[in-house]
Amino acid sequence: MTRKTLPNRRPSITVEAEWSGHPFTVTVGYDPETGKASEVFADTAKGGQMQETIRDACVLASKLLQHGEEPADLPKSLGRVPDYTGAEDYASPIGKIAEIVAGAA
């Protein structure tokens, strides 16, 4: 499937998120024709390597969405680890971003 080019202006939502004590914001953009989640951006206040990793993950997630991947499928294959309470959490902030995209769809 070829990648769908989105219009310059499109609807979006922004969500505050946290992973392992690291706060960040996630913005999910929608295709105005279909209403489907079609792109994702994230930003941290700290910058550095985590910021760049998150930005790269968002580019990959956006490309997957624009090639027809269902938002609900994004978090299914990502790693999970026990958190400090013994419950499972995503192994990286990428999982949290994918969960937000899936929930925003």
PDB file of N, CA and C in Angstrom:
ATOM      1  N   MET A   1       0.849  -1.171   0.000  1.00  0.00           N
ATOM      2  CA  MET A   1       0.000   0.000   0.000  1.00  0.00           C
ATOM      3  C   MET A   1       0.898   1.239   0.000  1.00  0.00           C
ATOM      4  N   THR A   2       0.523   2.223  -0.763  1.00  0.00           N
ATOM      5  CA  THR A   2       1.303   3.455  -0.809  1.00  0.00           C
ATOM      6  C   THR A   2       0.888   4.383   0.319  1.00  0.00           C
ATOM      7  N   ARG A   3       1.802   5.219   0.697  1.00  0.00           N
ATOM      8  CA  ARG A   3       1.575   6.157   1.789  1.00  0.00           C
ATOM      9  C   ARG A   3       0.621   7.257   1.350  1.00  0.00           C
ATOM     10  N   LYS A   4      -0.322   7.567   2.207  1.00  0.00           N
ATOM     11  CA  LYS A   4      -1.278   8.626   1.921  1.00  0.00           C
ATOM     12  C   LYS A   4      -0.707   9.953   2.422  1.00  0.00           C
ATOM     13  N   THR A   5      -0.647  10.947   1.554  1.00  0.00           N
ATOM     14  CA  THR A   5      -0.206  12.282   1.933  1.00  0.00           C
ATOM     15  C   THR A   5      -1.372  13.019   2.577  1.00  0.00           C
ATOM     16  N   LEU A   6      -1.117  13.593   3.731  1.00  0.00           N
ATOM     17  CA  LEU A   6      -2.167  14.309   4.459  1.00  0.00           C
ATOM     18  C   LEU A   6      -2.181  15.781   4.077  1.00  0.00           C
ATOM     19  N   PRO A   7      -3.337  16.426   4.208  1.00  0.00           N
ATOM     20  CA  PRO A   7      -3.386  17.865   3.942  1.00  0.00           C
ATOM     21  C   PRO A   7      -2.597  18.628   5.020  1.00  0.00           C
ATOM     22  N   ASN A   8      -2.198  19.848   4.709  1.00  0.00           N
ATOM     23  CA  ASN A   8      -1.417  20.647   5.647  1.00  0.00           C
ATOM     24  C   ASN A   8      -2.184  20.950   6.931  1.00  0.00           C
ATOM     25  N   ARG A   9      -3.471  21.146   6.852  1.00  0.00           N
ATOM     26  CA  ARG A   9      -4.285  21.404   8.045  1.00  0.00           C
ATOM     27  C   ARG A   9      -5.182  20.203   8.290  1.00  0.00           C
ATOM     28  N   ARG A  10      -5.176  19.713   9.554  1.00  0.00           N
ATOM     29  CA  ARG A  10      -5.985  18.551   9.893  1.00  0.00           C
ATOM     30  C   ARG A  10      -6.298  18.565  11.390  1.00  0.00           C
ATOM     31  N   PRO A  11      -7.376  17.903  11.795  1.00  0.00           N
ATOM     32  CA  PRO A  11      -7.730  17.879  13.215  1.00  0.00           C
ATOM     33  C   PRO A  11      -6.723  17.073  14.026  1.00  0.00           C
ATOM     34  N   SER A  12      -6.594  17.421  15.306  1.00  0.00           N
ATOM     35  CA  SER A  12      -5.687  16.693  16.178  1.00  0.00           C
ATOM     36  C   SER A  12      -6.122  16.846  17.631  1.00  0.00           C
ATOM     37  N   ILE A  13      -5.592  15.960  18.483  1.00  0.00           N
ATOM     38  CA  ILE A  13      -5.767  16.087  19.927  1.00  0.00           C
ATOM     39  C   ILE A  13      -4.389  15.973  20.567  1.00  0.00           C
ATOM     40  N   THR A  14      -4.219  16.617  21.715  1.00  0.00           N
ATOM     41  CA  THR A  14      -2.962  16.528  22.455  1.00  0.00           C
ATOM     42  C   THR A  14      -3.266  15.998  23.853  1.00  0.00           C
ATOM     43  N   VAL A  15      -2.454  15.030  24.294  1.00  0.00           N
ATOM     44  CA  VAL A  15      -2.656  14.349  25.569  1.00  0.00           C
ATOM     45  C   VAL A  15      -1.374  14.449  26.390  1.00  0.00           C
ATOM     46  N   GLU A  16      -1.518  14.724  27.680  1.00  0.00           N
ATOM     47  CA  GLU A  16      -0.381  14.674  28.600  1.00  0.00           C
ATOM     48  C   GLU A  16      -0.165  13.213  28.976  1.00  0.00           C
ATOM     49  N   ALA A  17       1.093  12.764  28.995  1.00  0.00           N
ATOM     50  CA  ALA A  17       1.391  11.368  29.295  1.00  0.00           C
ATOM     51  C   ALA A  17       2.615  11.279  30.200  1.00  0.00           C
ATOM     52  N   GLU A  18       2.827  10.078  30.728  1.00  0.00           N
ATOM     53  CA  GLU A  18       4.004   9.826  31.552  1.00  0.00           C
ATOM     54  C   GLU A  18       4.412   8.376  31.376  1.00  0.00           C
ATOM     55  N   TRP A  19       5.696   8.157  31.322  1.00  0.00           N
ATOM     56  CA  TRP A  19       6.231   6.799  31.318  1.00  0.00           C
ATOM     57  C   TRP A  19       7.419   6.777  32.266  1.00  0.00           C
ATOM     58  N   SER A  20       7.372   5.921  33.250  1.00  0.00           N
ATOM     59  CA  SER A  20       8.487   5.729  34.180  1.00  0.00           C
ATOM     60  C   SER A  20       8.969   7.051  34.788  1.00  0.00           C
ATOM     61  N   GLY A  21       8.025   7.908  35.138  1.00  0.00           N
ATOM     62  CA  GLY A  21       8.366   9.184  35.755  1.00  0.00           C
ATOM     63  C   GLY A  21       8.770  10.283  34.788  1.00  0.00           C
ATOM     64  N   HIS A  22       8.731  10.008  33.489  1.00  0.00           N
ATOM     65  CA  HIS A  22       9.097  10.994  32.472  1.00  0.00           C
ATOM     66  C   HIS A  22       7.828  11.555  31.824  1.00  0.00           C
ATOM     67  N   PRO A  23       7.500  12.812  32.082  1.00  0.00           N
ATOM     68  CA  PRO A  23       6.312  13.392  31.460  1.00  0.00           C
ATOM     69  C   PRO A  23       6.582  13.807  30.014  1.00  0.00           C
ATOM     70  N   PHE A  24       5.568  13.704  29.189  1.00  0.00           N
ATOM     71  CA  PHE A  24       5.659  14.166  27.810  1.00  0.00           C
ATOM     72  C   PHE A  24       4.256  14.403  27.277  1.00  0.00           C
ATOM     73  N   THR A  25       4.161  15.069  26.141  1.00  0.00           N
ATOM     74  CA  THR A  25       2.872  15.268  25.489  1.00  0.00           C
ATOM     75  C   THR A  25       2.851  14.492  24.185  1.00  0.00           C
ATOM     76  N   VAL A  26       1.685  13.997  23.840  1.00  0.00           N
ATOM     77  CA  VAL A  26       1.490  13.247  22.601  1.00  0.00           C
ATOM     78  C   VAL A  26       0.363  13.923  21.821  1.00  0.00           C
ATOM     79  N   THR A  27       0.617  14.231  20.566  1.00  0.00           N
ATOM     80  CA  THR A  27      -0.404  14.798  19.686  1.00  0.00           C
ATOM     81  C   THR A  27      -0.705  13.792  18.590  1.00  0.00           C
ATOM     82  N   VAL A  28      -1.981  13.469  18.437  1.00  0.00           N
ATOM     83  CA  VAL A  28      -2.432  12.541  17.397  1.00  0.00           C
ATOM     84  C   VAL A  28      -3.200  13.359  16.365  1.00  0.00           C
ATOM     85  N   GLY A  29      -2.765  13.265  15.109  1.00  0.00           N
ATOM     86  CA  GLY A  29      -3.429  13.957  14.006  1.00  0.00           C
ATOM     87  C   GLY A  29      -4.307  12.997  13.234  1.00  0.00           C
ATOM     88  N   TYR A  30      -5.406  13.512  12.714  1.00  0.00           N
ATOM     89  CA  TYR A  30      -6.390  12.694  12.017  1.00  0.00           C
ATOM     90  C   TYR A  30      -6.515  13.088  10.562  1.00  0.00           C
ATOM     91  N   ASP A  31      -6.780  12.100   9.728  1.00  0.00           N
ATOM     92  CA  ASP A  31      -7.090  12.338   8.324  1.00  0.00           C
ATOM     93  C   ASP A  31      -8.489  12.942   8.272  1.00  0.00           C
ATOM     94  N   PRO A  32      -8.633  14.179   7.775  1.00  0.00           N
ATOM     95  CA  PRO A  32      -9.959  14.802   7.778  1.00  0.00           C
ATOM     96  C   PRO A  32     -10.967  14.093   6.873  1.00  0.00           C
ATOM     97  N   GLU A  33     -10.506  13.332   5.901  1.00  0.00           N
ATOM     98  CA  GLU A  33     -11.417  12.614   5.010  1.00  0.00           C
ATOM     99  C   GLU A  33     -12.008  11.374   5.668  1.00  0.00           C
ATOM    100  N   THR A  34     -11.183  10.651   6.441  1.00  0.00           N
ATOM    101  CA  THR A  34     -11.624   9.384   7.021  1.00  0.00           C
ATOM    102  C   THR A  34     -11.843   9.450   8.527  1.00  0.00           C
ATOM    103  N   GLY A  35     -11.250  10.439   9.186  1.00  0.00           N
ATOM    104  CA  GLY A  35     -11.332  10.532  10.641  1.00  0.00           C
ATOM    105  C   GLY A  35     -10.406   9.580  11.368  1.00  0.00           C
ATOM    106  N   LYS A  36      -9.547   8.865  10.630  1.00  0.00           N
ATOM    107  CA  LYS A  36      -8.637   7.898  11.241  1.00  0.00           C
ATOM    108  C   LYS A  36      -7.359   8.577  11.718  1.00  0.00           C
ATOM    109  N   ALA A  37      -6.821   8.072  12.837  1.00  0.00           N
ATOM    110  CA  ALA A  37      -5.523   8.543  13.316  1.00  0.00           C
ATOM    111  C   ALA A  37      -4.494   8.278  12.229  1.00  0.00           C
ATOM    112  N   SER A  38      -3.732   9.314  11.863  1.00  0.00           N
ATOM    113  CA  SER A  38      -2.811   9.179  10.733  1.00  0.00           C
ATOM    114  C   SER A  38      -1.408   9.682  11.008  1.00  0.00           C
ATOM    115  N   GLU A  39      -1.201  10.310  12.167  1.00  0.00           N
ATOM    116  CA  GLU A  39       0.142  10.772  12.506  1.00  0.00           C
ATOM    117  C   GLU A  39       0.222  10.989  14.008  1.00  0.00           C
ATOM    118  N   VAL A  40       1.437  10.972  14.511  1.00  0.00           N
ATOM    119  CA  VAL A  40       1.649  11.172  15.939  1.00  0.00           C
ATOM    120  C   VAL A  40       2.943  11.954  16.145  1.00  0.00           C
ATOM    121  N   PHE A  41       2.886  12.873  17.106  1.00  0.00           N
ATOM    122  CA  PHE A  41       4.042  13.663  17.508  1.00  0.00           C
ATOM    123  C   PHE A  41       4.124  13.600  19.029  1.00  0.00           C
ATOM    124  N   ALA A  42       5.326  13.659  19.583  1.00  0.00           N
ATOM    125  CA  ALA A  42       5.479  13.696  21.042  1.00  0.00           C
ATOM    126  C   ALA A  42       6.636  14.620  21.386  1.00  0.00           C
ATOM    127  N   ASP A  43       6.554  15.176  22.587  1.00  0.00           N
ATOM    128  CA  ASP A  43       7.564  16.129  23.019  1.00  0.00           C
ATOM    129  C   ASP A  43       7.780  15.991  24.521  1.00  0.00           C
ATOM    130  N   THR A  44       9.045  16.047  24.947  1.00  0.00           N
ATOM    131  CA  THR A  44       9.370  16.045  26.366  1.00  0.00           C
ATOM    132  C   THR A  44      10.003  17.379  26.717  1.00  0.00           C
ATOM    133  N   ALA A  45       9.889  17.744  27.962  1.00  0.00           N
ATOM    134  CA  ALA A  45      10.489  18.996  28.414  1.00  0.00           C
ATOM    135  C   ALA A  45      12.000  18.850  28.585  1.00  0.00           C
ATOM    136  N   LYS A  46      12.469  17.635  28.781  1.00  0.00           N
ATOM    137  CA  LYS A  46      13.885  17.414  29.084  1.00  0.00           C
ATOM    138  C   LYS A  46      14.789  17.419  27.863  1.00  0.00           C
ATOM    139  N   GLY A  47      14.282  17.036  26.711  1.00  0.00           N
ATOM    140  CA  GLY A  47      15.119  16.969  25.514  1.00  0.00           C
ATOM    141  C   GLY A  47      16.087  15.792  25.587  1.00  0.00           C
ATOM    142  N   GLY A  48      17.196  15.905  24.891  1.00  0.00           N
ATOM    143  CA  GLY A  48      18.227  14.878  24.921  1.00  0.00           C
ATOM    144  C   GLY A  48      17.860  13.617  24.169  1.00  0.00           C
ATOM    145  N   GLN A  49      18.512  12.524  24.561  1.00  0.00           N
ATOM    146  CA  GLN A  49      18.356  11.252  23.863  1.00  0.00           C
ATOM    147  C   GLN A  49      16.925  10.739  23.925  1.00  0.00           C
ATOM    148  N   MET A  50      16.257  10.882  25.064  1.00  0.00           N
ATOM    149  CA  MET A  50      14.878  10.405  25.150  1.00  0.00           C
ATOM    150  C   MET A  50      13.987  11.163  24.171  1.00  0.00           C
ATOM    151  N   GLN A  51      14.170  12.469  24.067  1.00  0.00           N
ATOM    152  CA  GLN A  51      13.383  13.272  23.125  1.00  0.00           C
ATOM    153  C   GLN A  51      13.594  12.771  21.698  1.00  0.00           C
ATOM    154  N   GLU A  52      14.825  12.540  21.320  1.00  0.00           N
ATOM    155  CA  GLU A  52      15.114  12.096  19.954  1.00  0.00           C
ATOM    156  C   GLU A  52      14.562  10.697  19.698  1.00  0.00           C
ATOM    157  N   THR A  53      14.634   9.823  20.692  1.00  0.00           N
ATOM    158  CA  THR A  53      14.072   8.474  20.550  1.00  0.00           C
ATOM    159  C   THR A  53      12.561   8.544  20.359  1.00  0.00           C
ATOM    160  N   ILE A  54      11.901   9.380  21.154  1.00  0.00           N
ATOM    161  CA  ILE A  54      10.452   9.544  21.041  1.00  0.00           C
ATOM    162  C   ILE A  54      10.081  10.116  19.677  1.00  0.00           C
ATOM    163  N   ARG A  55      10.809  11.116  19.224  1.00  0.00           N
ATOM    164  CA  ARG A  55      10.500  11.709  17.911  1.00  0.00           C
ATOM    165  C   ARG A  55      10.656  10.682  16.792  1.00  0.00           C
ATOM    166  N   ASP A  56      11.741   9.894  16.850  1.00  0.00           N
ATOM    167  CA  ASP A  56      11.941   8.865  15.824  1.00  0.00           C
ATOM    168  C   ASP A  56      10.819   7.828  15.863  1.00  0.00           C
ATOM    169  N   ALA A  57      10.406   7.431  17.058  1.00  0.00           N
ATOM    170  CA  ALA A  57       9.317   6.459  17.186  1.00  0.00           C
ATOM    171  C   ALA A  57       8.025   7.015  16.598  1.00  0.00           C
ATOM    172  N   CYS A  58       7.795   8.302  16.785  1.00  0.00           N
ATOM    173  CA  CYS A  58       6.589   8.926  16.238  1.00  0.00           C
ATOM    174  C   CYS A  58       6.608   8.938  14.710  1.00  0.00           C
ATOM    175  N   VAL A  59       7.770   9.161  14.131  1.00  0.00           N
ATOM    176  CA  VAL A  59       7.888   9.116  12.671  1.00  0.00           C
ATOM    177  C   VAL A  59       7.522   7.716  12.174  1.00  0.00           C
ATOM    178  N   LEU A  60       8.068   6.694  12.828  1.00  0.00           N
ATOM    179  CA  LEU A  60       7.764   5.321  12.408  1.00  0.00           C
ATOM    180  C   LEU A  60       6.284   4.989  12.598  1.00  0.00           C
ATOM    181  N   ALA A  61       5.708   5.387  13.741  1.00  0.00           N
ATOM    182  CA  ALA A  61       4.287   5.126  13.972  1.00  0.00           C
ATOM    183  C   ALA A  61       3.434   5.853  12.934  1.00  0.00           C
ATOM    184  N   SER A  62       3.792   7.090  12.619  1.00  0.00           N
ATOM    185  CA  SER A  62       3.035   7.851  11.613  1.00  0.00           C
ATOM    186  C   SER A  62       3.085   7.170  10.257  1.00  0.00           C
ATOM    187  N   LYS A  63       4.258   6.702   9.876  1.00  0.00           N
ATOM    188  CA  LYS A  63       4.381   6.008   8.586  1.00  0.00           C
ATOM    189  C   LYS A  63       3.544   4.732   8.572  1.00  0.00           C
ATOM    190  N   LEU A  64       3.560   3.986   9.669  1.00  0.00           N
ATOM    191  CA  LEU A  64       2.725   2.784   9.743  1.00  0.00           C
ATOM    192  C   LEU A  64       1.254   3.133   9.573  1.00  0.00           C
ATOM    193  N   LEU A  65       0.800   4.167  10.274  1.00  0.00           N
ATOM    194  CA  LEU A  65      -0.609   4.580  10.169  1.00  0.00           C
ATOM    195  C   LEU A  65      -0.946   5.018   8.756  1.00  0.00           C
ATOM    196  N   GLN A  66      -0.047   5.746   8.115  1.00  0.00           N
ATOM    197  CA  GLN A  66      -0.294   6.248   6.765  1.00  0.00           C
ATOM    198  C   GLN A  66      -0.212   5.150   5.715  1.00  0.00           C
ATOM    199  N   HIS A  67       0.341   4.010   6.092  1.00  0.00           N
ATOM    200  CA  HIS A  67       0.367   2.859   5.193  1.00  0.00           C
ATOM    201  C   HIS A  67      -0.744   1.862   5.507  1.00  0.00           C
ATOM    202  N   GLY A  68      -1.671   2.244   6.402  1.00  0.00           N
ATOM    203  CA  GLY A  68      -2.838   1.401   6.637  1.00  0.00           C
ATOM    204  C   GLY A  68      -2.828   0.578   7.908  1.00  0.00           C
ATOM    205  N   GLU A  69      -1.789   0.662   8.721  1.00  0.00           N
ATOM    206  CA  GLU A  69      -1.773  -0.077   9.989  1.00  0.00           C
ATOM    207  C   GLU A  69      -2.899   0.446  10.881  1.00  0.00           C
ATOM    208  N   GLU A  70      -3.596  -0.450  11.541  1.00  0.00           N
ATOM    209  CA  GLU A  70      -4.667  -0.050  12.449  1.00  0.00           C
ATOM    210  C   GLU A  70      -4.051   0.460  13.753  1.00  0.00           C
ATOM    211  N   PRO A  71      -4.536   1.594  14.268  1.00  0.00           N
ATOM    212  CA  PRO A  71      -3.987   2.137  15.515  1.00  0.00           C
ATOM    213  C   PRO A  71      -4.008   1.142  16.670  1.00  0.00           C
ATOM    214  N   ALA A  72      -5.059   0.331  16.769  1.00  0.00           N
ATOM    215  CA  ALA A  72      -5.165  -0.639  17.862  1.00  0.00           C
ATOM    216  C   ALA A  72      -4.080  -1.706  17.809  1.00  0.00           C
ATOM    217  N   ASP A  73      -3.489  -1.919  16.630  1.00  0.00           N
ATOM    218  CA  ASP A  73      -2.447  -2.939  16.490  1.00  0.00           C
ATOM    219  C   ASP A  73      -1.062  -2.434  16.913  1.00  0.00           C
ATOM    220  N   LEU A  74      -0.870  -1.131  17.005  1.00  0.00           N
ATOM    221  CA  LEU A  74       0.452  -0.591  17.325  1.00  0.00           C
ATOM    222  C   LEU A  74       1.000  -1.083  18.665  1.00  0.00           C
ATOM    223  N   PRO A  75       0.252  -1.012  19.770  1.00  0.00           N
ATOM    224  CA  PRO A  75       0.859  -1.407  21.048  1.00  0.00           C
ATOM    225  C   PRO A  75       0.923  -2.910  21.300  1.00  0.00           C
ATOM    226  N   LYS A  76       0.252  -3.705  20.503  1.00  0.00           N
ATOM    227  CA  LYS A  76       0.146  -5.139  20.778  1.00  0.00           C
ATOM    228  C   LYS A  76       1.476  -5.886  20.782  1.00  0.00           C
ATOM    229  N   SER A  77       2.422  -5.476  19.962  1.00  0.00           N
ATOM    230  CA  SER A  77       3.674  -6.219  19.835  1.00  0.00           C
ATOM    231  C   SER A  77       4.831  -5.589  20.592  1.00  0.00           C
ATOM    232  N   LEU A  78       4.567  -4.528  21.321  1.00  0.00           N
ATOM    233  CA  LEU A  78       5.654  -3.837  22.013  1.00  0.00           C
ATOM    234  C   LEU A  78       5.918  -4.461  23.375  1.00  0.00           C
ATOM    235  N   GLY A  79       7.174  -4.357  23.813  1.00  0.00           N
ATOM    236  CA  GLY A  79       7.606  -5.002  25.050  1.00  0.00           C
ATOM    237  C   GLY A  79       6.954  -4.439  26.296  1.00  0.00           C
ATOM    238  N   ARG A  80       6.807  -5.320  27.284  1.00  0.00           N
ATOM    239  CA  ARG A  80       6.277  -4.936  28.596  1.00  0.00           C
ATOM    240  C   ARG A  80       7.193  -5.505  29.666  1.00  0.00           C
ATOM    241  N   VAL A  81       7.274  -4.777  30.770  1.00  0.00           N
ATOM    242  CA  VAL A  81       8.085  -5.197  31.924  1.00  0.00           C
ATOM    243  C   VAL A  81       7.294  -4.892  33.192  1.00  0.00           C
ATOM    244  N   PRO A  82       7.596  -5.592  34.284  1.00  0.00           N
ATOM    245  CA  PRO A  82       6.928  -5.255  35.543  1.00  0.00           C
ATOM    246  C   PRO A  82       7.364  -3.869  36.021  1.00  0.00           C
ATOM    247  N   ASP A  83       6.423  -3.075  36.514  1.00  0.00           N
ATOM    248  CA  ASP A  83       6.790  -1.782  37.080  1.00  0.00           C
ATOM    249  C   ASP A  83       7.084  -1.961  38.569  1.00  0.00           C
ATOM    250  N   TYR A  84       7.295  -0.892  39.267  1.00  0.00           N
ATOM    251  CA  TYR A  84       7.684  -0.975  40.678  1.00  0.00           C
ATOM    252  C   TYR A  84       6.600  -1.585  41.566  1.00  0.00           C
ATOM    253  N   THR A  85       5.361  -1.646  41.092  1.00  0.00           N
ATOM    254  CA  THR A  85       4.280  -2.244  41.878  1.00  0.00           C
ATOM    255  C   THR A  85       4.068  -3.714  41.522  1.00  0.00           C
ATOM    256  N   GLY A  86       4.754  -4.193  40.500  1.00  0.00           N
ATOM    257  CA  GLY A  86       4.571  -5.560  40.042  1.00  0.00           C
ATOM    258  C   GLY A  86       3.614  -5.673  38.871  1.00  0.00           C
ATOM    259  N   ALA A  87       2.890  -4.594  38.574  1.00  0.00           N
ATOM    260  CA  ALA A  87       2.010  -4.586  37.404  1.00  0.00           C
ATOM    261  C   ALA A  87       2.861  -4.397  36.152  1.00  0.00           C
ATOM    262  N   GLU A  88       2.331  -4.763  35.012  1.00  0.00           N
ATOM    263  CA  GLU A  88       3.078  -4.590  33.769  1.00  0.00           C
ATOM    264  C   GLU A  88       2.971  -3.168  33.258  1.00  0.00           C
ATOM    265  N   ASP A  89       4.078  -2.693  32.716  1.00  0.00           N
ATOM    266  CA  ASP A  89       4.124  -1.388  32.067  1.00  0.00           C
ATOM    267  C   ASP A  89       4.882  -1.581  30.761  1.00  0.00           C
ATOM    268  N   TYR A  90       4.753  -0.625  29.863  1.00  0.00           N
ATOM    269  CA  TYR A  90       5.509  -0.721  28.617  1.00  0.00           C
ATOM    270  C   TYR A  90       6.994  -0.613  28.905  1.00  0.00           C
ATOM    271  N   ALA A  91       7.797  -1.317  28.137  1.00  0.00           N
ATOM    272  CA  ALA A  91       9.244  -1.338  28.335  1.00  0.00           C
ATOM    273  C   ALA A  91       9.912  -0.028  27.940  1.00  0.00           C
ATOM    274  N   SER A  92       9.210   0.810  27.181  1.00  0.00           N
ATOM    275  CA  SER A  92       9.768   2.096  26.763  1.00  0.00           C
ATOM    276  C   SER A  92       8.628   3.088  26.572  1.00  0.00           C
ATOM    277  N   PRO A  93       8.936   4.374  26.444  1.00  0.00           N
ATOM    278  CA  PRO A  93       7.871   5.346  26.201  1.00  0.00           C
ATOM    279  C   PRO A  93       7.161   5.130  24.868  1.00  0.00           C
ATOM    280  N   ILE A  94       7.779   4.391  23.977  1.00  0.00           N
ATOM    281  CA  ILE A  94       7.177   4.113  22.675  1.00  0.00           C
ATOM    282  C   ILE A  94       5.872   3.333  22.863  1.00  0.00           C
ATOM    283  N   GLY A  95       5.855   2.403  23.809  1.00  0.00           N
ATOM    284  CA  GLY A  95       4.635   1.652  24.095  1.00  0.00           C
ATOM    285  C   GLY A  95       3.523   2.546  24.608  1.00  0.00           C
ATOM    286  N   LYS A  96       3.866   3.486  25.464  1.00  0.00           N
ATOM    287  CA  LYS A  96       2.870   4.423  25.987  1.00  0.00           C
ATOM    288  C   LYS A  96       2.295   5.288  24.869  1.00  0.00           C
ATOM    289  N   ILE A  97       3.161   5.732  23.965  1.00  0.00           N
ATOM    290  CA  ILE A  97       2.701   6.530  22.820  1.00  0.00           C
ATOM    291  C   ILE A  97       1.761   5.702  21.949  1.00  0.00           C
ATOM    292  N   ALA A  98       2.128   4.450  21.683  1.00  0.00           N
ATOM    293  CA  ALA A  98       1.273   3.575  20.865  1.00  0.00           C
ATOM    294  C   ALA A  98      -0.073   3.352  21.535  1.00  0.00           C
ATOM    295  N   GLU A  99      -0.087   3.197  22.862  1.00  0.00           N
ATOM    296  CA  GLU A  99      -1.336   3.033  23.604  1.00  0.00           C
ATOM    297  C   GLU A  99      -2.220   4.267  23.454  1.00  0.00           C
ATOM    298  N   ILE A 100      -1.629   5.448  23.505  1.00  0.00           N
ATOM    299  CA  ILE A 100      -2.393   6.694  23.346  1.00  0.00           C
ATOM    300  C   ILE A 100      -2.977   6.781  21.945  1.00  0.00           C
ATOM    301  N   VAL A 101      -2.174   6.444  20.947  1.00  0.00           N
ATOM    302  CA  VAL A 101      -2.666   6.481  19.560  1.00  0.00           C
ATOM    303  C   VAL A 101      -3.833   5.498  19.410  1.00  0.00           C
ATOM    304  N   ALA A 102      -3.694   4.301  19.967  1.00  0.00           N
ATOM    305  CA  ALA A 102      -4.759   3.302  19.861  1.00  0.00           C
ATOM    306  C   ALA A 102      -6.033   3.781  20.555  1.00  0.00           C
ATOM    307  N   GLY A 103      -5.880   4.436  21.692  1.00  0.00           N
ATOM    308  CA  GLY A 103      -7.046   4.923  22.430  1.00  0.00           C
ATOM    309  C   GLY A 103      -7.675   6.166  21.797  1.00  0.00           C
ATOM    310  N   ALA A 104      -6.894   6.892  21.033  1.00  0.00           N
ATOM    311  CA  ALA A 104      -7.391   8.121  20.398  1.00  0.00           C
ATOM    312  C   ALA A 104      -8.043   7.840  19.057  1.00  0.00           C
ATOM    313  N   ALA A 105      -7.954   6.606  18.610  1.00  0.00           N
ATOM    314  CA  ALA A 105      -8.495   6.266  17.282  1.00  0.00           C
ATOM    315  C   ALA A 105      -9.993   6.167  17.294  1.00  0.00           C
TER     316      ALA A 105
END
